[in-house]
Amino acid sequence: MRDPETAPAGVERLTKDPDPAVRSAAARHPNLPRPRLTELLDDEELARPAAANPALDVAEIRRLARTPGDPAGPSVDTLI
């Protein structure tokens, strides 16, 4: 799953593969369509690899970085 030319639909399909390693690799692939990537952030099995996806936008990173004691979450400057 290292081919950067993999079509987004193919990457999305691979997030449902029977092999957990394939699902995990697909969740990290930068061509994964954003709606599916966002969905995987709430998936118990694939949340970590999805959070490591380089295509994840700053708003989602902020949402993930929030802690219960800090409803605003860290500033983007602390994430870069």
N, C-alpha and C. Protein backbone atom coordinates (compact mmCIF):
# COMPACT_ATOMS: atom_id res chain seq x y z
N MET A 1 0.84 -1.18 0.00
CA MET A 1 0.00 0.00 0.00
C MET A 1 0.88 1.24 0.00
N ARG A 2 2.00 1.19 -0.61
CA ARG A 2 2.91 2.34 -0.66
C ARG A 2 2.80 3.12 -1.96
N ASP A 3 2.01 2.64 -2.88
CA ASP A 3 1.90 3.30 -4.17
C ASP A 3 1.11 4.60 -4.04
N PRO A 4 1.76 5.76 -4.24
CA PRO A 4 1.06 7.03 -4.11
C PRO A 4 0.03 7.26 -5.21
N GLU A 5 0.06 6.43 -6.22
CA GLU A 5 -0.89 6.57 -7.33
C GLU A 5 -2.16 5.74 -7.14
N THR A 6 -2.27 5.04 -6.02
CA THR A 6 -3.47 4.24 -5.78
C THR A 6 -4.69 5.14 -5.79
N ALA A 7 -5.70 4.75 -6.53
CA ALA A 7 -6.92 5.56 -6.66
C ALA A 7 -7.64 5.65 -5.32
N PRO A 8 -8.22 6.81 -5.01
CA PRO A 8 -8.93 6.98 -3.75
C PRO A 8 -9.99 5.89 -3.50
N ALA A 9 -10.74 5.52 -4.53
CA ALA A 9 -11.76 4.48 -4.35
C ALA A 9 -11.13 3.14 -3.96
N GLY A 10 -9.98 2.85 -4.52
CA GLY A 10 -9.27 1.62 -4.18
C GLY A 10 -8.77 1.63 -2.74
N VAL A 11 -8.25 2.77 -2.31
CA VAL A 11 -7.78 2.89 -0.93
C VAL A 11 -8.96 2.73 0.03
N GLU A 12 -10.07 3.39 -0.29
CA GLU A 12 -11.25 3.28 0.56
C GLU A 12 -11.72 1.83 0.66
N ARG A 13 -11.73 1.14 -0.45
CA ARG A 13 -12.15 -0.27 -0.46
C ARG A 13 -11.22 -1.11 0.43
N LEU A 14 -9.93 -0.80 0.42
CA LEU A 14 -8.97 -1.57 1.21
C LEU A 14 -9.13 -1.35 2.72
N THR A 15 -9.81 -0.27 3.13
CA THR A 15 -10.06 -0.08 4.57
C THR A 15 -11.08 -1.09 5.09
N LYS A 16 -11.68 -1.86 4.18
CA LYS A 16 -12.66 -2.89 4.56
C LYS A 16 -12.13 -4.29 4.27
N ASP A 17 -10.85 -4.41 3.95
CA ASP A 17 -10.23 -5.69 3.63
C ASP A 17 -10.26 -6.61 4.86
N PRO A 18 -10.33 -7.93 4.65
CA PRO A 18 -10.34 -8.85 5.79
C PRO A 18 -9.03 -8.85 6.59
N ASP A 19 -7.92 -8.47 5.97
CA ASP A 19 -6.62 -8.48 6.63
C ASP A 19 -6.42 -7.19 7.44
N PRO A 20 -6.22 -7.27 8.76
CA PRO A 20 -6.04 -6.08 9.58
C PRO A 20 -4.86 -5.21 9.15
N ALA A 21 -3.78 -5.83 8.67
CA ALA A 21 -2.61 -5.06 8.24
C ALA A 21 -2.94 -4.23 6.99
N VAL A 22 -3.73 -4.79 6.11
CA VAL A 22 -4.15 -4.06 4.90
C VAL A 22 -5.05 -2.89 5.29
N ARG A 23 -6.01 -3.13 6.20
CA ARG A 23 -6.90 -2.05 6.66
C ARG A 23 -6.11 -0.92 7.30
N SER A 24 -5.14 -1.29 8.11
CA SER A 24 -4.32 -0.29 8.80
C SER A 24 -3.51 0.54 7.81
N ALA A 25 -2.89 -0.12 6.84
CA ALA A 25 -2.11 0.60 5.83
C ALA A 25 -3.00 1.52 5.01
N ALA A 26 -4.18 1.06 4.67
CA ALA A 26 -5.11 1.89 3.89
C ALA A 26 -5.55 3.12 4.69
N ALA A 27 -5.74 2.96 5.99
CA ALA A 27 -6.16 4.09 6.83
C ALA A 27 -5.10 5.18 6.87
N ARG A 28 -3.83 4.83 6.66
CA ARG A 28 -2.73 5.80 6.67
C ARG A 28 -2.45 6.39 5.29
N HIS A 29 -3.06 5.85 4.26
CA HIS A 29 -2.73 6.27 2.89
C HIS A 29 -3.26 7.68 2.61
N PRO A 30 -2.42 8.55 2.05
CA PRO A 30 -2.83 9.94 1.80
C PRO A 30 -3.95 10.10 0.77
N ASN A 31 -4.22 9.08 -0.03
CA ASN A 31 -5.31 9.19 -1.02
C ASN A 31 -6.66 8.71 -0.48
N LEU A 32 -6.70 8.35 0.79
CA LEU A 32 -7.98 7.93 1.37
C LEU A 32 -8.93 9.12 1.35
N PRO A 33 -10.13 8.95 0.78
CA PRO A 33 -11.08 10.06 0.73
C PRO A 33 -11.37 10.62 2.13
N ARG A 34 -11.43 11.92 2.22
CA ARG A 34 -11.59 12.60 3.51
C ARG A 34 -12.81 12.10 4.29
N PRO A 35 -13.99 11.91 3.67
CA PRO A 35 -15.12 11.41 4.48
C PRO A 35 -14.82 10.06 5.15
N ARG A 36 -14.15 9.17 4.44
CA ARG A 36 -13.81 7.86 5.02
C ARG A 36 -12.74 8.02 6.10
N LEU A 37 -11.77 8.90 5.86
CA LEU A 37 -10.72 9.16 6.86
C LEU A 37 -11.37 9.66 8.15
N THR A 38 -12.26 10.61 8.04
CA THR A 38 -12.94 11.16 9.22
C THR A 38 -13.73 10.06 9.94
N GLU A 39 -14.38 9.21 9.18
CA GLU A 39 -15.14 8.10 9.75
C GLU A 39 -14.22 7.16 10.52
N LEU A 40 -13.05 6.89 9.99
CA LEU A 40 -12.13 5.95 10.63
C LEU A 40 -11.55 6.50 11.93
N LEU A 41 -11.55 7.81 12.11
CA LEU A 41 -11.05 8.39 13.35
C LEU A 41 -11.90 7.96 14.54
N ASP A 42 -13.12 7.55 14.29
CA ASP A 42 -14.01 7.08 15.35
C ASP A 42 -14.11 5.55 15.39
N ASP A 43 -13.31 4.88 14.59
CA ASP A 43 -13.31 3.42 14.54
C ASP A 43 -12.26 2.91 15.54
N GLU A 44 -12.69 2.09 16.47
CA GLU A 44 -11.78 1.61 17.53
C GLU A 44 -10.51 0.96 16.96
N GLU A 45 -10.66 0.17 15.93
CA GLU A 45 -9.51 -0.54 15.36
C GLU A 45 -8.60 0.37 14.54
N LEU A 46 -9.17 1.30 13.78
CA LEU A 46 -8.39 2.05 12.81
C LEU A 46 -8.15 3.52 13.17
N ALA A 47 -8.54 3.93 14.36
CA ALA A 47 -8.37 5.34 14.75
C ALA A 47 -6.90 5.75 14.77
N ARG A 48 -6.03 4.93 15.30
CA ARG A 48 -4.60 5.31 15.37
C ARG A 48 -3.97 5.43 13.99
N PRO A 49 -4.12 4.44 13.12
CA PRO A 49 -3.52 4.63 11.79
C PRO A 49 -4.17 5.78 11.03
N ALA A 50 -5.46 6.00 11.21
CA ALA A 50 -6.12 7.12 10.54
C ALA A 50 -5.58 8.45 11.05
N ALA A 51 -5.31 8.52 12.35
CA ALA A 51 -4.76 9.75 12.93
C ALA A 51 -3.34 10.03 12.42
N ALA A 52 -2.66 8.99 11.93
CA ALA A 52 -1.31 9.16 11.38
C ALA A 52 -1.34 9.49 9.89
N ASN A 53 -2.51 9.60 9.31
CA ASN A 53 -2.63 9.88 7.88
C ASN A 53 -2.14 11.30 7.58
N PRO A 54 -1.19 11.45 6.65
CA PRO A 54 -0.65 12.78 6.35
C PRO A 54 -1.65 13.73 5.72
N ALA A 55 -2.77 13.22 5.26
CA ALA A 55 -3.79 14.07 4.65
C ALA A 55 -4.77 14.64 5.68
N LEU A 56 -4.60 14.27 6.93
CA LEU A 56 -5.49 14.75 7.98
C LEU A 56 -5.34 16.26 8.10
N ASP A 57 -6.46 16.98 8.09
CA ASP A 57 -6.37 18.43 8.13
C ASP A 57 -6.22 18.95 9.56
N VAL A 58 -5.80 20.20 9.67
CA VAL A 58 -5.49 20.81 10.96
C VAL A 58 -6.70 20.81 11.89
N ALA A 59 -7.89 21.05 11.38
CA ALA A 59 -9.09 21.07 12.23
C ALA A 59 -9.31 19.70 12.90
N GLU A 60 -9.09 18.64 12.16
CA GLU A 60 -9.24 17.30 12.74
C GLU A 60 -8.13 17.03 13.76
N ILE A 61 -6.93 17.48 13.47
CA ILE A 61 -5.82 17.30 14.42
C ILE A 61 -6.15 18.04 15.72
N ARG A 62 -6.66 19.25 15.62
CA ARG A 62 -7.05 20.00 16.81
C ARG A 62 -8.13 19.24 17.60
N ARG A 63 -9.12 18.73 16.89
CA ARG A 63 -10.20 17.99 17.56
C ARG A 63 -9.63 16.78 18.30
N LEU A 64 -8.72 16.07 17.68
CA LEU A 64 -8.13 14.89 18.29
C LEU A 64 -7.23 15.23 19.48
N ALA A 65 -6.61 16.41 19.43
CA ALA A 65 -5.66 16.79 20.48
C ALA A 65 -6.33 17.37 21.72
N ARG A 66 -7.60 17.68 21.64
CA ARG A 66 -8.30 18.25 22.80
C ARG A 66 -8.31 17.26 23.96
N THR A 67 -8.17 17.82 25.14
CA THR A 67 -8.26 17.01 26.35
C THR A 67 -9.52 17.42 27.11
N PRO A 68 -10.03 16.56 27.99
CA PRO A 68 -11.25 16.90 28.72
C PRO A 68 -11.14 18.21 29.50
N GLY A 69 -9.97 18.55 30.00
CA GLY A 69 -9.80 19.77 30.78
C GLY A 69 -9.58 21.00 29.94
N ASP A 70 -9.46 20.85 28.64
CA ASP A 70 -9.18 21.97 27.75
C ASP A 70 -10.12 21.93 26.56
N PRO A 71 -11.34 22.48 26.71
CA PRO A 71 -12.31 22.38 25.62
C PRO A 71 -11.87 23.06 24.33
N ALA A 72 -10.99 24.03 24.42
CA ALA A 72 -10.53 24.70 23.20
C ALA A 72 -9.41 23.92 22.53
N GLY A 73 -8.75 23.07 23.28
CA GLY A 73 -7.64 22.30 22.72
C GLY A 73 -6.41 23.17 22.56
N PRO A 74 -5.29 22.57 22.22
CA PRO A 74 -4.07 23.34 22.04
C PRO A 74 -4.14 24.19 20.78
N SER A 75 -3.32 25.20 20.75
CA SER A 75 -3.26 26.02 19.54
C SER A 75 -2.52 25.24 18.48
N VAL A 76 -2.74 25.60 17.25
CA VAL A 76 -2.08 24.90 16.16
C VAL A 76 -0.57 25.04 16.25
N ASP A 77 -0.08 26.12 16.86
CA ASP A 77 1.36 26.33 16.98
C ASP A 77 2.02 25.23 17.82
N THR A 78 1.30 24.68 18.78
CA THR A 78 1.88 23.63 19.60
C THR A 78 1.87 22.28 18.92
N LEU A 79 1.16 22.19 17.79
CA LEU A 79 1.07 20.93 17.07
C LEU A 79 2.08 20.84 15.94
N ILE A 80 2.72 21.93 15.63
CA ILE A 80 3.65 21.94 14.49
C ILE A 80 5.07 21.92 14.98
